[in-house]
C-alpha atoms as a PDB file:
ATOM      1  CA  UNK A   1      -0.028  -0.135  -0.072  1.00  0.00           C
ATOM      2  CA  UNK A   2       1.251   3.588  -0.794  1.00  0.00           C
ATOM      3  CA  UNK A   3      -0.001   6.918  -1.337  1.00  0.00           C
ATOM      4  CA  UNK A   4       0.584   8.320  -4.876  1.00  0.00           C
ATOM      5  CA  UNK A   5       1.259  11.944  -5.688  1.00  0.00           C
ATOM      6  CA  UNK A   6      -1.867  12.279  -7.753  1.00  0.00           C
ATOM      7  CA  UNK A   7      -5.161  14.013  -7.305  1.00  0.00           C
ATOM      8  CA  UNK A   8      -8.354  11.900  -7.485  1.00  0.00           C
ATOM      9  CA  UNK A   9      -9.267  13.943 -10.648  1.00  0.00           C
ATOM     10  CA  UNK A  10      -5.908  13.416 -12.302  1.00  0.00           C
ATOM     11  CA  UNK A  11      -6.007   9.591 -11.366  1.00  0.00           C
ATOM     12  CA  UNK A  12      -9.436   8.912 -12.790  1.00  0.00           C
ATOM     13  CA  UNK A  13      -8.603  10.827 -16.057  1.00  0.00           C
ATOM     14  CA  UNK A  14      -5.388   8.780 -16.561  1.00  0.00           C
ATOM     15  CA  UNK A  15      -7.397   5.674 -15.852  1.00  0.00           C
ATOM     16  CA  UNK A  16     -10.165   6.679 -18.475  1.00  0.00           C
ATOM     17  CA  UNK A  17      -7.606   7.253 -21.227  1.00  0.00           C
ATOM     18  CA  UNK A  18      -5.636   4.089 -20.644  1.00  0.00           C
ATOM     19  CA  UNK A  19      -2.588   5.908 -19.729  1.00  0.00           C
ATOM     20  CA  UNK A  20      -2.399   5.294 -16.018  1.00  0.00           C
ATOM     21  CA  UNK A  21       0.028   2.368 -16.289  1.00  0.00           C
ATOM     22  CA  UNK A  22       2.671   4.410 -18.484  1.00  0.00           C
ATOM     23  CA  UNK A  23       2.402   7.203 -15.906  1.00  0.00           C
ATOM     24  CA  UNK A  24       2.856   5.029 -12.843  1.00  0.00           C
ATOM     25  CA  UNK A  25       5.860   3.554 -14.676  1.00  0.00           C
ATOM     26  CA  UNK A  26       7.381   7.011 -15.492  1.00  0.00           C
ATOM     27  CA  UNK A  27       6.915   7.562 -11.717  1.00  0.00           C
ATOM     28  CA  UNK A  28       9.029   4.814 -10.921  1.00  0.00           C
ATOM     29  CA  UNK A  29       5.896   2.935  -9.609  1.00  0.00           C
ATOM     30  CA  UNK A  30       5.769   0.130 -12.458  1.00  0.00           C
ATOM     31  CA  UNK A  31       6.739  -2.689 -10.294  1.00  0.00           C
ATOM     32  CA  UNK A  32       4.044  -4.705  -8.543  1.00  0.00           C
ATOM     33  CA  UNK A  33       3.400  -3.663  -5.109  1.00  0.00           C
ATOM     34  CA  UNK A  34       3.588  -7.304  -3.788  1.00  0.00           C
ATOM     35  CA  UNK A  35       2.914  -8.756  -0.516  1.00  0.00           C
ATOM     36  CA  UNK A  36       5.404  -7.391   2.035  1.00  0.00           C
ATOM     37  CA  UNK A  37       8.739  -9.252   2.365  1.00  0.00           C
ATOM     38  CA  UNK A  38       9.061 -11.917   5.199  1.00  0.00           C
ATOM     39  CA  UNK A  39      11.719 -13.988   6.421  1.00  0.00           C
ATOM     40  CA  UNK A  40      10.268 -17.238   4.842  1.00  0.00           C
ATOM     41  CA  UNK A  41       8.333 -18.144   1.852  1.00  0.00           C
ATOM     42  CA  UNK A  42       5.895 -20.982   0.828  1.00  0.00           C
ATOM     43  CA  UNK A  43       6.247 -22.772  -2.520  1.00  0.00           C
ATOM     44  CA  UNK A  44       2.495 -22.410  -3.863  1.00  0.00           C
ATOM     45  CA  UNK A  45       2.922 -24.736  -6.827  1.00  0.00           C
ATOM     46  CA  UNK A  46       4.659 -28.132  -7.525  1.00  0.00           C
ATOM     47  CA  UNK A  47       7.728 -27.935  -9.622  1.00  0.00           C
ATOM     48  CA  UNK A  48       8.680 -24.564  -9.177  1.00  0.00           C
ATOM     49  CA  UNK A  49      12.148 -23.882 -10.119  1.00  0.00           C
ATOM     50  CA  UNK A  50      15.351 -22.442  -8.593  1.00  0.00           C
ATOM     51  CA  UNK A  51      17.599 -20.795 -10.981  1.00  0.00           C
ATOM     52  CA  UNK A  52      21.323 -19.743 -10.800  1.00  0.00           C
ATOM     53  CA  UNK A  53      20.357 -16.279 -11.917  1.00  0.00           C
ATOM     54  CA  UNK A  54      17.252 -13.958 -11.600  1.00  0.00           C
ATOM     55  CA  UNK A  55      16.112 -14.980 -15.238  1.00  0.00           C
ATOM     56  CA  UNK A  56      13.696 -17.389 -16.669  1.00  0.00           C
ATOM     57  CA  UNK A  57      16.477 -18.162 -19.251  1.00  0.00           C
ATOM     58  CA  UNK A  58      19.028 -19.072 -16.467  1.00  0.00           C
ATOM     59  CA  UNK A  59      19.813 -22.412 -15.657  1.00  0.00           C
ATOM     60  CA  UNK A  60      17.596 -24.597 -13.549  1.00  0.00           C
ATOM     61  CA  UNK A  61      19.193 -26.037 -10.531  1.00  0.00           C
ATOM     62  CA  UNK A  62      16.351 -27.607  -8.609  1.00  0.00           C
ATOM     63  CA  UNK A  63      12.525 -28.198  -8.638  1.00  0.00           C
ATOM     64  CA  UNK A  64      10.658 -27.390  -5.484  1.00  0.00           C
ATOM     65  CA  UNK A  65       7.708 -29.236  -4.200  1.00  0.00           C
ATOM     66  CA  UNK A  66       4.436 -27.623  -3.163  1.00  0.00           C
ATOM     67  CA  UNK A  67       4.231 -26.118   0.321  1.00  0.00           C
ATOM     68  CA  UNK A  68       8.089 -26.580   0.698  1.00  0.00           C
ATOM     69  CA  UNK A  69       9.103 -23.428   3.022  1.00  0.00           C
ATOM     70  CA  UNK A  70      12.426 -21.651   2.119  1.00  0.00           C
ATOM     71  CA  UNK A  71      14.300 -19.043   3.764  1.00  0.00           C
ATOM     72  CA  UNK A  72      14.065 -15.567   1.900  1.00  0.00           C
ATOM     73  CA  UNK A  73      17.744 -14.209   1.922  1.00  0.00           C
ATOM     74  CA  UNK A  74      16.660 -10.946  -0.142  1.00  0.00           C
ATOM     75  CA  UNK A  75      15.231  -9.378  -3.176  1.00  0.00           C
ATOM     76  CA  UNK A  76      16.738  -8.649  -6.485  1.00  0.00           C
ATOM     77  CA  UNK A  77      15.280  -7.378  -9.876  1.00  0.00           C
ATOM     78  CA  UNK A  78      15.296  -9.459 -12.721  1.00  0.00           C
ATOM     79  CA  UNK A  79      13.014 -10.834 -15.545  1.00  0.00           C
ATOM     80  CA  UNK A  80       9.284 -10.011 -15.564  1.00  0.00           C
ATOM     81  CA  UNK A  81       7.541 -13.268 -14.730  1.00  0.00           C
ATOM     82  CA  UNK A  82       5.280 -15.098 -16.997  1.00  0.00           C
ATOM     83  CA  UNK A  83       3.387 -12.353 -18.663  1.00  0.00           C
ATOM     84  CA  UNK A  84       3.398 -10.123 -15.679  1.00  0.00           C
ATOM     85  CA  UNK A  85       4.844  -6.637 -16.780  1.00  0.00           C
ATOM     86  CA  UNK A  86       4.536  -5.314 -13.230  1.00  0.00           C
ATOM     87  CA  UNK A  87       6.612  -7.666 -11.265  1.00  0.00           C
ATOM     88  CA  UNK A  88      10.504  -8.062 -11.837  1.00  0.00           C
ATOM     89  CA  UNK A  89      11.071  -9.099  -8.264  1.00  0.00           C
ATOM     90  CA  UNK A  90      12.905 -12.224  -7.338  1.00  0.00           C
ATOM     91  CA  UNK A  91      13.683 -13.819  -4.106  1.00  0.00           C
ATOM     92  CA  UNK A  92      17.155 -14.772  -3.225  1.00  0.00           C
ATOM     93  CA  UNK A  93      17.315 -18.291  -1.764  1.00  0.00           C
ATOM     94  CA  UNK A  94      20.206 -20.479  -0.543  1.00  0.00           C
ATOM     95  CA  UNK A  95      21.925 -21.408  -3.662  1.00  0.00           C
ATOM     96  CA  UNK A  96      19.854 -19.547  -6.246  1.00  0.00           C
ATOM     97  CA  UNK A  97      16.772 -17.312  -7.128  1.00  0.00           C
ATOM     98  CA  UNK A  98      13.022 -18.006  -7.674  1.00  0.00           C
ATOM     99  CA  UNK A  99      10.254 -15.660  -9.040  1.00  0.00           C
ATOM    100  CA  UNK A 100       8.390 -13.821  -6.275  1.00  0.00           C
ATOM    101  CA  UNK A 101       4.948 -14.609  -7.781  1.00  0.00           C
ATOM    102  CA  UNK A 102       5.565 -18.363  -7.076  1.00  0.00           C
ATOM    103  CA  UNK A 103       6.231 -17.773  -3.192  1.00  0.00           C
ATOM    104  CA  UNK A 104       3.817 -16.684  -0.459  1.00  0.00           C
ATOM    105  CA  UNK A 105       5.660 -14.714   2.174  1.00  0.00           C
ATOM    106  CA  UNK A 106       5.113 -16.311   5.502  1.00  0.00           C
ATOM    107  CA  UNK A 107       6.503 -16.187   8.988  1.00  0.00           C
ATOM    108  CA  UNK A 108       6.315 -18.928  11.922  1.00  0.00           C
ATOM    109  CA  UNK A 109       4.853 -17.248  14.928  1.00  0.00           C
ATOM    110  CA  UNK A 110       3.595 -19.560  17.567  1.00  0.00           C
ATOM    111  CA  UNK A 111       0.911 -18.441  19.788  1.00  0.00           C
ATOM    112  CA  UNK A 112      -0.246 -18.834  23.470  1.00  0.00           C
ATOM    113  CA  UNK A 113      -3.718 -20.369  23.719  1.00  0.00           C
ATOM    114  CA  UNK A 114      -6.849 -18.616  24.728  1.00  0.00           C
ATOM    115  CA  UNK A 115      -9.078 -20.858  27.003  1.00  0.00           C
ATOM    116  CA  UNK A 116     -12.337 -18.865  26.875  1.00  0.00           C
ATOM    117  CA  UNK A 117     -14.435 -18.897  23.638  1.00  0.00           C
ATOM    118  CA  UNK A 118     -17.775 -17.073  23.634  1.00  0.00           C
ATOM    119  CA  UNK A 119     -20.825 -18.897  22.267  1.00  0.00           C
ATOM    120  CA  UNK A 120     -20.711 -16.691  19.120  1.00  0.00           C
ATOM    121  CA  UNK A 121     -17.141 -18.108  18.516  1.00  0.00           C
ATOM    122  CA  UNK A 122     -14.188 -15.939  17.764  1.00  0.00           C
ATOM    123  CA  UNK A 123     -12.239 -15.245  14.541  1.00  0.00           C
ATOM    124  CA  UNK A 124      -8.680 -16.679  14.355  1.00  0.00           C
ATOM    125  CA  UNK A 125      -5.705 -16.528  12.008  1.00  0.00           C
ATOM    126  CA  UNK A 126      -3.056 -19.015  10.840  1.00  0.00           C
ATOM    127  CA  UNK A 127       0.297 -17.672  11.906  1.00  0.00           C
ATOM    128  CA  UNK A 128       2.511 -20.405  10.534  1.00  0.00           C
ATOM    129  CA  UNK A 129       3.252 -21.317   6.974  1.00  0.00           C
ATOM    130  CA  UNK A 130       0.689 -24.104   6.999  1.00  0.00           C
ATOM    131  CA  UNK A 131      -0.996 -26.067   9.706  1.00  0.00           C
ATOM    132  CA  UNK A 132      -2.837 -29.499   9.384  1.00  0.00           C
ATOM    133  CA  UNK A 133      -6.495 -30.032  10.498  1.00  0.00           C
ATOM    134  CA  UNK A 134      -7.421 -33.086  12.404  1.00  0.00           C
ATOM    135  CA  UNK A 135     -10.827 -34.843  12.574  1.00  0.00           C
ATOM    136  CA  UNK A 136     -10.475 -35.427  16.342  1.00  0.00           C
ATOM    137  CA  UNK A 137      -8.352 -33.369  18.697  1.00  0.00           C
ATOM    138  CA  UNK A 138      -5.455 -35.696  18.860  1.00  0.00           C
ATOM    139  CA  UNK A 139      -2.198 -35.637  16.919  1.00  0.00           C
ATOM    140  CA  UNK A 140      -2.525 -39.354  15.974  1.00  0.00           C
ATOM    141  CA  UNK A 141      -6.010 -38.711  14.441  1.00  0.00           C
ATOM    142  CA  UNK A 142      -6.662 -38.760  10.824  1.00  0.00           C
ATOM    143  CA  UNK A 143      -5.713 -35.301   9.365  1.00  0.00           C
ATOM    144  CA  UNK A 144      -7.680 -33.424   6.473  1.00  0.00           C
ATOM    145  CA  UNK A 145      -6.883 -30.279   4.683  1.00  0.00           C
ATOM    146  CA  UNK A 146      -4.159 -27.548   5.207  1.00  0.00           C
ATOM    147  CA  UNK A 147      -4.761 -24.179   6.469  1.00  0.00           C
ATOM    148  CA  UNK A 148      -2.309 -21.623   5.174  1.00  0.00           C
ATOM    149  CA  UNK A 149      -0.611 -18.473   6.521  1.00  0.00           C
ATOM    150  CA  UNK A 150      -3.108 -15.590   7.154  1.00  0.00           C
ATOM    151  CA  UNK A 151      -6.208 -17.676   6.507  1.00  0.00           C
ATOM    152  CA  UNK A 152      -8.857 -16.835   8.843  1.00  0.00           C
ATOM    153  CA  UNK A 153     -11.259 -19.202  10.507  1.00  0.00           C
ATOM    154  CA  UNK A 154     -14.215 -19.132  13.127  1.00  0.00           C
ATOM    155  CA  UNK A 155     -13.050 -20.792  16.535  1.00  0.00           C
ATOM    156  CA  UNK A 156     -16.069 -22.367  18.173  1.00  0.00           C
ATOM    157  CA  UNK A 157     -14.483 -23.679  21.280  1.00  0.00           C
ATOM    158  CA  UNK A 158     -11.246 -24.913  23.058  1.00  0.00           C
ATOM    159  CA  UNK A 159     -10.545 -28.502  23.747  1.00  0.00           C
ATOM    160  CA  UNK A 160      -7.877 -29.728  26.101  1.00  0.00           C
ATOM    161  CA  UNK A 161      -6.743 -33.255  25.504  1.00  0.00           C
ATOM    162  CA  UNK A 162      -5.406 -34.665  28.903  1.00  0.00           C
ATOM    163  CA  UNK A 163      -3.981 -37.754  27.219  1.00  0.00           C
ATOM    164  CA  UNK A 164      -1.534 -35.920  25.132  1.00  0.00           C
ATOM    165  CA  UNK A 165      -1.496 -32.644  27.277  1.00  0.00           C
ATOM    166  CA  UNK A 166      -2.500 -30.626  24.067  1.00  0.00           C
ATOM    167  CA  UNK A 167      -4.686 -27.544  23.489  1.00  0.00           C
ATOM    168  CA  UNK A 168      -6.913 -27.367  20.303  1.00  0.00           C
ATOM    169  CA  UNK A 169      -9.080 -24.945  18.823  1.00  0.00           C
ATOM    170  CA  UNK A 170     -12.122 -26.558  17.077  1.00  0.00           C
ATOM    171  CA  UNK A 171     -13.263 -24.671  13.801  1.00  0.00           C
ATOM    172  CA  UNK A 172     -16.277 -25.502  11.599  1.00  0.00           C
ATOM    173  CA  UNK A 173     -16.325 -25.226   7.937  1.00  0.00           C
ATOM    174  CA  UNK A 174     -19.764 -23.889   6.554  1.00  0.00           C
ATOM    175  CA  UNK A 175     -19.172 -25.489   3.050  1.00  0.00           C
ATOM    176  CA  UNK A 176     -17.868 -28.982   4.305  1.00  0.00           C
ATOM    177  CA  UNK A 177     -20.331 -29.059   7.029  1.00  0.00           C
ATOM    178  CA  UNK A 178     -17.759 -30.496   9.452  1.00  0.00           C
ATOM    179  CA  UNK A 179     -15.698 -29.478  12.416  1.00  0.00           C
ATOM    180  CA  UNK A 180     -11.946 -29.681  12.528  1.00  0.00           C
ATOM    181  CA  UNK A 181      -9.371 -29.392  15.076  1.00  0.00           C
ATOM    182  CA  UNK A 182      -6.259 -27.176  14.818  1.00  0.00           C
ATOM    183  CA  UNK A 183      -3.292 -26.903  17.291  1.00  0.00           C
ATOM    184  CA  UNK A 184      -3.848 -23.692  19.332  1.00  0.00           C
ATOM    185  CA  UNK A 185      -0.333 -22.670  18.854  1.00  0.00           C
ATOM    186  CA  UNK A 186      -0.760 -22.269  15.087  1.00  0.00           C
ATOM    187  CA  UNK A 187      -3.625 -19.826  15.511  1.00  0.00           C
ATOM    188  CA  UNK A 188      -3.830 -16.072  16.653  1.00  0.00           C
ATOM    189  CA  UNK A 189      -7.145 -14.860  18.163  1.00  0.00           C
ATOM    190  CA  UNK A 190      -8.023 -11.533  16.317  1.00  0.00           C
ATOM    191  CA  UNK A 191      -8.858  -8.914  18.760  1.00  0.00           C
ATOM    192  CA  UNK A 192     -11.883  -6.733  18.331  1.00  0.00           C
ATOM    193  CA  UNK A 193     -10.002  -3.615  17.857  1.00  0.00           C
ATOM    194  CA  UNK A 194      -8.716  -5.193  14.688  1.00  0.00           C
ATOM    195  CA  UNK A 195     -12.130  -5.270  13.167  1.00  0.00           C
ATOM    196  CA  UNK A 196     -13.066  -1.624  13.832  1.00  0.00           C
ATOM    197  CA  UNK A 197     -13.899   0.551  10.968  1.00  0.00           C
ATOM    198  CA  UNK A 198     -10.977   2.777   9.450  1.00  0.00           C
ATOM    199  CA  UNK A 199     -11.607   6.513   8.833  1.00  0.00           C
ATOM    200  CA  UNK A 200     -15.130   6.303  10.413  1.00  0.00           C
ATOM    201  CA  UNK A 201     -15.371  10.297  10.459  1.00  0.00           C
ATOM    202  CA  UNK A 202     -15.389  10.255   6.623  1.00  0.00           C
ATOM    203  CA  UNK A 203     -18.844  10.432   5.203  1.00  0.00           C
ATOM    204  CA  UNK A 204     -19.753   7.550   3.285  1.00  0.00           C
ATOM    205  CA  UNK A 205     -20.254   9.489   0.110  1.00  0.00           C
ATOM    206  CA  UNK A 206     -16.574  10.517   0.175  1.00  0.00           C
ATOM    207  CA  UNK A 207     -15.241   7.124   0.069  1.00  0.00           C
ATOM    208  CA  UNK A 208     -14.588   5.547  -3.433  1.00  0.00           C
ATOM    209  CA  UNK A 209     -12.499   2.391  -4.506  1.00  0.00           C
ATOM    210  CA  UNK A 210     -11.165   2.561  -8.157  1.00  0.00           C
ATOM    211  CA  UNK A 211     -10.093  -0.502  -9.943  1.00  0.00           C
ATOM    212  CA  UNK A 212      -8.117   0.085 -13.063  1.00  0.00           C
ATOM    213  CA  UNK A 213      -8.014  -3.265 -14.933  1.00  0.00           C
ATOM    214  CA  UNK A 214      -5.302  -2.259 -17.455  1.00  0.00           C
ATOM    215  CA  UNK A 215      -2.627  -1.456 -14.812  1.00  0.00           C
ATOM    216  CA  UNK A 216      -4.290  -3.947 -12.212  1.00  0.00           C
ATOM    217  CA  UNK A 217      -4.380  -1.302  -9.476  1.00  0.00           C
ATOM    218  CA  UNK A 218      -6.851  -0.733  -6.730  1.00  0.00           C
ATOM    219  CA  UNK A 219      -6.905   2.746  -5.373  1.00  0.00           C
ATOM    220  CA  UNK A 220      -9.210   4.229  -2.610  1.00  0.00           C
ATOM    221  CA  UNK A 221     -10.133   7.745  -2.128  1.00  0.00           C
ATOM    222  CA  UNK A 222     -11.343   9.870   0.757  1.00  0.00           C
ATOM    223  CA  UNK A 223     -12.678  12.963  -1.180  1.00  0.00           C
ATOM    224  CA  UNK A 224      -9.758  13.929  -3.270  1.00  0.00           C
ATOM    225  CA  UNK A 225      -7.231  12.450  -0.971  1.00  0.00           C
ATOM    226  CA  UNK A 226      -5.649   9.143  -2.083  1.00  0.00           C
ATOM    227  CA  UNK A 227      -5.187   6.813   0.967  1.00  0.00           C
ATOM    228  CA  UNK A 228      -4.554   3.416  -0.497  1.00  0.00           C
ATOM    229  CA  UNK A 229      -3.174   1.886  -3.720  1.00  0.00           C
ATOM    230  CA  UNK A 230      -2.168  -1.517  -4.335  1.00  0.00           C
ATOM    231  CA  UNK A 231      -1.590  -3.913  -7.395  1.00  0.00           C
ATOM    232  CA  UNK A 232      -4.088  -6.676  -7.748  1.00  0.00           C
ATOM    233  CA  UNK A 233      -4.802  -9.688  -9.815  1.00  0.00           C
ATOM    234  CA  UNK A 234      -8.308  -9.411 -11.449  1.00  0.00           C
ATOM    235  CA  UNK A 235     -10.140 -12.029 -13.313  1.00  0.00           C
ATOM    236  CA  UNK A 236      -8.338 -13.954 -16.279  1.00  0.00           C
ATOM    237  CA  UNK A 237      -9.944 -14.395 -19.705  1.00  0.00           C
ATOM    238  CA  UNK A 238     -13.212 -16.350 -19.473  1.00  0.00           C
ATOM    239  CA  UNK A 239     -13.654 -15.412 -15.835  1.00  0.00           C
ATOM    240  CA  UNK A 240     -13.302 -11.509 -16.341  1.00  0.00           C
ATOM    241  CA  UNK A 241     -13.885  -9.231 -13.464  1.00  0.00           C
ATOM    242  CA  UNK A 242     -17.079  -7.239 -14.216  1.00  0.00           C
ATOM    243  CA  UNK A 243     -16.536  -3.357 -15.182  1.00  0.00           C
ATOM    244  CA  UNK A 244     -18.973  -0.922 -13.857  1.00  0.00           C
ATOM    245  CA  UNK A 245     -20.290   0.648 -10.670  1.00  0.00           C
ATOM    246  CA  UNK A 246     -20.744  -1.471  -7.561  1.00  0.00           C
ATOM    247  CA  UNK A 247     -20.873  -1.364  -3.867  1.00  0.00           C
ATOM    248  CA  UNK A 248     -19.576  -3.651  -0.962  1.00  0.00           C
ATOM    249  CA  UNK A 249     -22.892  -4.475   0.111  1.00  0.00           C
ATOM    250  CA  UNK A 250     -21.934  -7.981   1.717  1.00  0.00           C
ATOM    251  CA  UNK A 251     -18.965  -8.866   3.678  1.00  0.00           C
ATOM    252  CA  UNK A 252     -17.250 -11.829   5.604  1.00  0.00           C
ATOM    253  CA  UNK A 253     -13.769 -12.057   7.464  1.00  0.00           C
ATOM    254  CA  UNK A 254     -13.540 -15.708   6.471  1.00  0.00           C
ATOM    255  CA  UNK A 255     -15.222 -17.427   3.498  1.00  0.00           C
ATOM    256  CA  UNK A 256     -14.646 -21.057   1.938  1.00  0.00           C
ATOM    257  CA  UNK A 257     -14.552 -20.341  -1.766  1.00  0.00           C
ATOM    258  CA  UNK A 258     -15.286 -22.995  -3.986  1.00  0.00           C
ATOM    259  CA  UNK A 259     -16.787 -23.758  -7.551  1.00  0.00           C
ATOM    260  CA  UNK A 260     -17.035 -27.598  -7.023  1.00  0.00           C
ATOM    261  CA  UNK A 261     -20.365 -28.762  -8.171  1.00  0.00           C
ATOM    262  CA  UNK A 262     -20.488 -26.521 -11.174  1.00  0.00           C
ATOM    263  CA  UNK A 263     -20.257 -27.461 -14.863  1.00  0.00           C
ATOM    264  CA  UNK A 264     -16.749 -26.064 -15.144  1.00  0.00           C
ATOM    265  CA  UNK A 265     -13.173 -27.008 -15.740  1.00  0.00           C
ATOM    266  CA  UNK A 266     -10.449 -25.770 -13.189  1.00  0.00           C
ATOM    267  CA  UNK A 267     -12.144 -26.501 -10.024  1.00  0.00           C
ATOM    268  CA  UNK A 268     -10.928 -24.415  -7.075  1.00  0.00           C
ATOM    269  CA  UNK A 269     -11.549 -25.166  -3.445  1.00  0.00           C
ATOM    270  CA  UNK A 270     -10.113 -22.665  -0.880  1.00  0.00           C
ATOM    271  CA  UNK A 271     -10.626 -22.603   2.616  1.00  0.00           C
ATOM    272  CA  UNK A 272     -10.265 -19.594   4.989  1.00  0.00           C
ATOM    273  CA  UNK A 273     -10.087 -16.882   2.335  1.00  0.00           C
ATOM    274  CA  UNK A 274      -9.433 -13.767   4.483  1.00  0.00           C
ATOM    275  CA  UNK A 275     -11.253 -10.426   4.450  1.00  0.00           C
ATOM    276  CA  UNK A 276     -14.126 -10.721   1.624  1.00  0.00           C
ATOM    277  CA  UNK A 277     -15.663  -7.598   0.612  1.00  0.00           C
ATOM    278  CA  UNK A 278     -18.094  -8.741  -2.027  1.00  0.00           C
ATOM    279  CA  UNK A 279     -19.771  -6.432  -4.620  1.00  0.00           C
ATOM    280  CA  UNK A 280     -21.851  -8.594  -6.624  1.00  0.00           C
ATOM    281  CA  UNK A 281     -24.339 -11.380  -6.015  1.00  0.00           C
ATOM    282  CA  UNK A 282     -22.484 -13.887  -7.989  1.00  0.00           C
ATOM    283  CA  UNK A 283     -19.462 -13.808  -5.535  1.00  0.00           C
ATOM    284  CA  UNK A 284     -17.049 -11.143  -7.015  1.00  0.00           C
ATOM    285  CA  UNK A 285     -15.086  -9.890  -4.107  1.00  0.00           C
ATOM    286  CA  UNK A 286     -11.727  -7.994  -2.885  1.00  0.00           C
ATOM    287  CA  UNK A 287     -10.117 -10.704  -0.717  1.00  0.00           C
ATOM    288  CA  UNK A 288      -6.937 -11.851   0.656  1.00  0.00           C
ATOM    289  CA  UNK A 289      -4.751 -14.428  -1.425  1.00  0.00           C
ATOM    290  CA  UNK A 290      -2.536 -17.249  -0.260  1.00  0.00           C
ATOM    291  CA  UNK A 291      -2.125 -19.349  -3.359  1.00  0.00           C
ATOM    292  CA  UNK A 292       0.054 -17.032  -5.139  1.00  0.00           C
ATOM    293  CA  UNK A 293       1.856 -13.640  -4.771  1.00  0.00           C
ATOM    294  CA  UNK A 294       1.812 -12.502  -8.403  1.00  0.00           C
ATOM    295  CA  UNK A 295       0.104  -9.273  -8.263  1.00  0.00           C
ATOM    296  CA  UNK A 296      -0.014  -7.097 -11.531  1.00  0.00           C
ATOM    297  CA  UNK A 297      -1.774  -9.518 -13.988  1.00  0.00           C
ATOM    298  CA  UNK A 298      -5.213 -11.131 -14.353  1.00  0.00           C
ATOM    299  CA  UNK A 299      -5.092 -14.648 -12.872  1.00  0.00           C
ATOM    300  CA  UNK A 300      -8.440 -14.865 -10.617  1.00  0.00           C
ATOM    301  CA  UNK A 301     -11.903 -16.418 -11.472  1.00  0.00           C
ATOM    302  CA  UNK A 302     -13.280 -13.032 -11.498  1.00  0.00           C
ATOM    303  CA  UNK A 303     -12.398 -11.650  -7.988  1.00  0.00           C
ATOM    304  CA  UNK A 304      -9.970  -9.028  -7.055  1.00  0.00           C
ATOM    305  CA  UNK A 305      -6.931 -10.654  -5.503  1.00  0.00           C
ATOM    306  CA  UNK A 306      -5.103  -8.720  -3.010  1.00  0.00           C
ATOM    307  CA  UNK A 307      -2.521  -9.468  -0.351  1.00  0.00           C
ATOM    308  CA  UNK A 308      -4.071 -10.259   3.050  1.00  0.00           C
ATOM    309  CA  UNK A 309      -2.794  -7.031   4.637  1.00  0.00           C
ATOM    310  CA  UNK A 310      -4.336  -5.017   1.779  1.00  0.00           C
ATOM    311  CA  UNK A 311      -7.701  -6.775   1.550  1.00  0.00           C
ATOM    312  CA  UNK A 312      -8.012  -6.384   5.286  1.00  0.00           C
ATOM    313  CA  UNK A 313      -7.590  -2.738   5.194  1.00  0.00           C
ATOM    314  CA  UNK A 314     -10.176  -2.495   2.458  1.00  0.00           C
ATOM    315  CA  UNK A 315     -12.425  -4.693   4.610  1.00  0.00           C
ATOM    316  CA  UNK A 316     -12.190  -2.495   7.446  1.00  0.00           C
ATOM    317  CA  UNK A 317     -12.237   0.796   5.545  1.00  0.00           C
ATOM    318  CA  UNK A 318     -15.580  -0.116   3.536  1.00  0.00           C
ATOM    319  CA  UNK A 319     -19.041  -0.275   4.816  1.00  0.00           C
ATOM    320  CA  UNK A 320     -21.093  -2.101   6.120  1.00  0.00           C
ATOM    321  CA  UNK A 321     -19.057  -2.773   9.183  1.00  0.00           C
ATOM    322  CA  UNK A 322     -19.279  -6.445  10.244  1.00  0.00           C
ATOM    323  CA  UNK A 323     -19.746  -6.796  14.026  1.00  0.00           C
ATOM    324  CA  UNK A 324     -16.892  -8.771  15.525  1.00  0.00           C
ATOM    325  CA  UNK A 325     -19.334 -11.655  16.517  1.00  0.00           C
ATOM    326  CA  UNK A 326     -20.570 -12.158  13.235  1.00  0.00           C
ATOM    327  CA  UNK A 327     -19.239 -14.150  10.349  1.00  0.00           C
ATOM    328  CA  UNK A 328     -21.157 -12.375   7.458  1.00  0.00           C
ATOM    329  CA  UNK A 329     -23.217  -9.195   6.891  1.00  0.00           C
ATOM    330  CA  UNK A 330     -25.506  -8.512   3.828  1.00  0.00           C
ATOM    331  CA  UNK A 331     -27.201  -5.089   3.500  1.00  0.00           C
ATOM    332  CA  UNK A 332     -28.427  -4.825  -0.122  1.00  0.00           C
ATOM    333  CA  UNK A 333     -28.284  -1.433  -1.712  1.00  0.00           C
ATOM    334  CA  UNK A 334     -25.793  -0.218   0.733  1.00  0.00           C
ATOM    335  CA  UNK A 335     -21.874  -0.556   0.814  1.00  0.00           C
ATOM    336  CA  UNK A 336     -18.678   1.699  -0.244  1.00  0.00           C
ATOM    337  CA  UNK A 337     -18.581   2.670  -4.027  1.00  0.00           C
ATOM    338  CA  UNK A 338     -16.566   0.953  -6.229  1.00  0.00           C
ATOM    339  CA  UNK A 339     -15.777   1.906 -10.128  1.00  0.00           C
ATOM    340  CA  UNK A 340     -14.014  -0.804 -12.196  1.00  0.00           C
ATOM    341  CA  UNK A 341     -12.918   0.221 -15.526  1.00  0.00           C
END
């Protein structure tokens, strides 16, 4: 996220003329505003290569398996990656380089347990690169799907297993219609103060989100003041993000997104998608993304992919405000204004 030295009027004129991407490049803002750097990275696809230089034409040294966690030693500029003109950032690893769009920046931050969960539940966030879920609160129980860094989930209760002397959070998946158990040290309880509205003193009519599909830029204004700007990944060809005027009229801090059951190819099944601000009735939303870090080119199924921190900012800044004890709120006809061009 960054503030750009452009007025709202100038910005919208550049977007309408198709010149925004060029001007941003001339201002030195041509690279993707990717997820913030971290000490570790998780490989998001199987077969990601390690090169001996930050170039797709360099020698391949190794292929990583999916979910491998690597140490990030630094960032360098190299080739633009696979059709993304805005991202030339590569990560330096032990022994070589890999394109940043393939790596989810992560951390390992173990948590102290919270022993009391209200009947309405509490929102939790995964704070390790990935965490297994279990069908019962025992480490020898059958494990199910993985939960990834910065995904969010509703915690229903705490379970203490005396046999193992272990502490678990029970989470419930509304799509799978099943409870799962997660080691408590892998999740952070999100306090209510992190769910309050940002800039509540600004009149709703003065807030605007502008999405420029050509430059893959999401920008927010308070009146004429630009307060947020972030590269995104909009819908790819065939599942394009719709253009027009919208509003963020329904929102949820944790959504299991899937198109399973539809007569489509390229099935996706994504648990715990964080900070979802929906703007259509067919599921288009701004939301956090843990399956890639390749912002700056279309690659979604119609949503507007953002780093988790950016989507959380928009979630808190937009209306309606979802109460901390609720997992979803829908108010048709309301919401913060969106222009997508």
